[in-house]
Protein backbone atom coordinates (compact mmCIF):
# COMPACT_ATOMS: atom_id res chain seq x y z
CA MET A 1 43.09 47.91 -29.03
CA SER A 2 42.19 44.84 -27.29
CA GLN A 3 43.01 41.59 -29.38
CA SER A 4 39.36 40.54 -29.16
CA LEU A 5 38.67 43.67 -30.65
CA ASP A 6 40.94 43.32 -33.57
CA ASN A 7 39.51 39.86 -34.15
CA THR A 8 36.10 41.18 -34.54
CA VAL A 9 37.53 43.95 -36.97
CA ILE A 10 38.65 41.01 -38.88
CA ILE A 11 35.79 39.11 -38.94
CA SER A 12 33.96 42.21 -40.13
CA SER A 13 36.05 42.90 -42.57
CA PHE A 14 36.01 39.54 -44.17
CA TYR A 15 32.57 39.32 -44.58
CA THR A 16 32.14 43.12 -45.88
CA ALA A 17 34.88 42.14 -48.51
CA PHE A 18 32.71 39.01 -49.43
CA GLN A 19 29.66 41.36 -49.59
CA LYS A 20 31.35 43.77 -52.07
CA ARG A 21 32.67 40.71 -53.79
CA ASP A 22 36.44 41.82 -53.06
CA TYR A 23 38.12 38.53 -52.85
CA LYS A 24 41.69 40.09 -52.79
CA LYS A 25 40.55 41.70 -49.21
CA MET A 26 39.28 38.37 -48.31
CA GLN A 27 42.24 36.69 -49.27
CA SER A 28 44.79 39.24 -47.66
CA LEU A 29 42.97 38.49 -44.07
CA TYR A 30 44.50 35.05 -44.32
CA HIS A 31 47.59 33.73 -42.45
CA ASP A 32 50.08 32.18 -44.48
CA ASN A 33 49.53 28.91 -42.67
CA ALA A 34 45.95 29.17 -42.79
CA THR A 35 43.46 26.23 -43.22
CA PHE A 36 39.78 26.12 -44.32
CA SER A 37 36.96 23.58 -44.14
CA ASP A 38 33.40 23.19 -44.45
CA PRO A 39 30.97 20.33 -45.70
CA ILE A 40 32.05 20.58 -49.05
CA PHE A 41 35.66 21.86 -49.10
CA SER A 42 37.67 20.26 -46.51
CA ASN A 43 41.26 20.71 -45.09
CA LEU A 44 42.06 23.22 -47.71
CA ASN A 45 45.57 24.95 -47.01
CA ALA A 46 45.77 29.04 -47.52
CA LYS A 47 46.43 29.00 -51.32
CA GLN A 48 43.36 26.58 -51.82
CA VAL A 49 41.00 28.97 -49.68
CA LYS A 50 42.11 32.11 -51.21
CA ALA A 51 41.59 30.31 -54.55
CA MET A 52 38.17 28.93 -53.75
CA TRP A 53 36.89 32.49 -52.57
CA GLN A 54 38.25 33.84 -55.87
CA MET A 55 36.45 31.12 -57.86
CA LEU A 56 33.45 31.15 -55.71
CA LEU A 57 33.17 35.49 -55.96
CA THR A 58 34.18 35.41 -59.83
CA THR A 59 32.00 32.53 -60.98
CA GLY A 60 28.96 33.07 -59.01
CA LYS A 61 26.78 35.97 -60.64
CA ASP A 62 24.03 36.51 -58.32
CA LEU A 63 25.62 35.76 -54.64
CA THR A 64 24.43 38.23 -51.67
CA VAL A 65 25.70 37.94 -48.27
CA THR A 66 24.66 38.82 -45.02
CA PHE A 67 26.26 38.41 -41.82
CA SER A 68 25.74 38.84 -37.89
CA ASN A 69 26.80 37.86 -34.61
CA VAL A 70 30.01 38.63 -34.94
CA ASP A 71 32.12 37.84 -31.74
CA ALA A 72 35.99 37.20 -30.76
CA SER A 73 37.81 36.76 -27.64
CA ASP A 74 41.57 36.43 -27.76
CA GLY A 75 42.50 33.75 -30.38
CA ARG A 76 39.15 32.63 -31.47
CA GLY A 77 35.75 34.28 -33.27
CA LEU A 78 32.62 33.29 -34.61
CA CYS A 79 29.96 34.83 -36.93
CA HIS A 80 26.84 33.71 -38.67
CA TRP A 81 26.12 34.45 -42.22
CA ASP A 82 23.54 33.65 -44.98
CA ALA A 83 24.23 33.04 -48.58
CA PHE A 84 21.82 33.58 -51.52
CA TYR A 85 22.57 32.48 -54.73
CA THR A 86 21.50 30.35 -58.00
CA PHE A 87 23.49 27.07 -57.68
CA SER A 88 24.98 26.87 -61.37
CA ARG A 89 24.99 23.12 -61.97
CA THR A 90 21.00 23.25 -61.49
CA GLY A 91 19.88 26.68 -61.70
CA ASN A 92 18.22 26.24 -58.36
CA LYS A 93 18.13 29.26 -55.90
CA VAL A 94 19.71 28.50 -52.49
CA HIS A 95 19.99 29.98 -49.12
CA ASN A 96 22.77 28.43 -47.20
CA ILE A 97 22.65 29.25 -43.41
CA VAL A 98 25.92 29.11 -41.94
CA ASP A 99 28.12 29.36 -38.69
CA ALA A 100 31.75 30.00 -38.98
CA ASP A 101 34.33 29.48 -36.46
CA PHE A 102 37.54 31.56 -36.46
CA GLU A 103 41.14 31.11 -34.97
CA PHE A 104 43.69 33.91 -35.22
CA LEU A 105 47.21 34.20 -35.18
CA ASP A 106 49.45 37.38 -35.69
CA GLY A 107 46.27 39.54 -36.80
CA LYS A 108 45.28 37.12 -39.55
CA ILE A 109 42.75 33.94 -39.91
CA LEU A 110 44.59 31.21 -39.06
CA LYS A 111 41.88 28.27 -38.86
CA HIS A 112 38.30 29.05 -40.62
CA THR A 113 35.58 26.37 -40.19
CA ASP A 114 32.14 26.94 -41.68
CA HIS A 115 29.15 24.63 -40.62
CA PHE A 116 25.96 24.01 -42.04
CA ASN A 117 23.44 21.61 -42.78
CA PHE A 118 24.35 19.75 -45.94
CA TRP A 119 21.15 17.88 -46.23
CA LYS A 120 19.57 21.22 -46.33
CA TRP A 121 21.77 22.64 -48.73
CA SER A 122 21.69 19.74 -51.17
CA ARG A 123 17.83 19.58 -51.02
CA GLN A 124 17.95 23.04 -52.34
CA ALA A 125 20.92 22.99 -54.64
CA PHE A 126 20.08 19.81 -56.19
CA GLY A 127 16.21 19.65 -56.03
CA LEU A 128 14.62 16.03 -55.78
CA THR A 129 18.49 14.45 -56.01
CA GLY A 130 19.01 16.13 -52.82
CA VAL A 131 16.20 15.48 -51.15
CA ILE A 132 16.29 11.69 -52.00
CA LEU A 133 20.47 11.25 -51.94
CA GLY A 134 21.68 14.44 -50.04
CA TRP A 135 21.78 12.69 -46.48
CA THR A 136 24.08 9.77 -48.00
CA SER A 137 27.71 10.07 -47.63
CA VAL A 138 28.37 8.45 -51.00
CA PHE A 139 26.34 11.64 -52.75
CA HIS A 140 28.29 13.92 -49.75
CA ASN A 141 31.38 12.58 -50.95
CA LYS A 142 30.76 12.61 -54.72
CA VAL A 143 29.73 16.70 -54.24
CA ARG A 144 32.93 16.77 -52.16
CA THR A 145 35.13 15.36 -54.81
CA THR A 146 33.45 17.28 -57.91
CA ALA A 147 34.12 20.38 -55.68
CA GLN A 148 37.49 19.76 -54.96
CA GLU A 149 38.17 18.79 -58.81
CA GLY A 150 36.82 22.06 -60.20
CA LEU A 151 39.00 24.10 -57.36
CA SER A 152 41.82 21.89 -58.43
CA LYS A 153 41.28 23.01 -62.35
CA PHE A 154 40.56 26.71 -61.22
CA ILE A 155 43.95 27.05 -59.68
CA ALA A 156 45.87 25.55 -62.02
CA LYS A 157 44.09 27.53 -64.61
CA SER A 158 44.82 30.88 -62.74
CA ALA A 159 48.41 29.69 -62.54
CA ALA A 160 48.64 29.31 -66.31
CA ASN A 161 47.25 32.66 -67.08
CA SER A 162 49.75 34.52 -64.44
């Protein structure tokens, strides 16, 4: 089996596990030195990204995911995916449209970067506040800080319960 095909299988396995809310399978596909970034969670290490998926899948009650356009070449890959869910802080429905880039090492995801339109997401998630402030760096940084704090609390709570 070629490396490109292997990487395509890794991406498809990742999003199939995402659809099934199987965060343990998703976690198993990351390299020990993995990194993750998106417009909200930036520069996460392997421990943090694994915890992020666990947090999102165990707290998000109505999340559904679709994915398409999986492609990979040696060492790199990409995928388009859509998430549909209720944003817990406001109760607003969100349809997030995401393009993901991957780098692989030793048959695992080494670098995962998700790209989406933050302003479009914030308008859906926060309603009028997102429309008015979603384009500003102050609002973006506040959302990023709040998300990182939530992830840190989740990791601490998980460690305390282990």
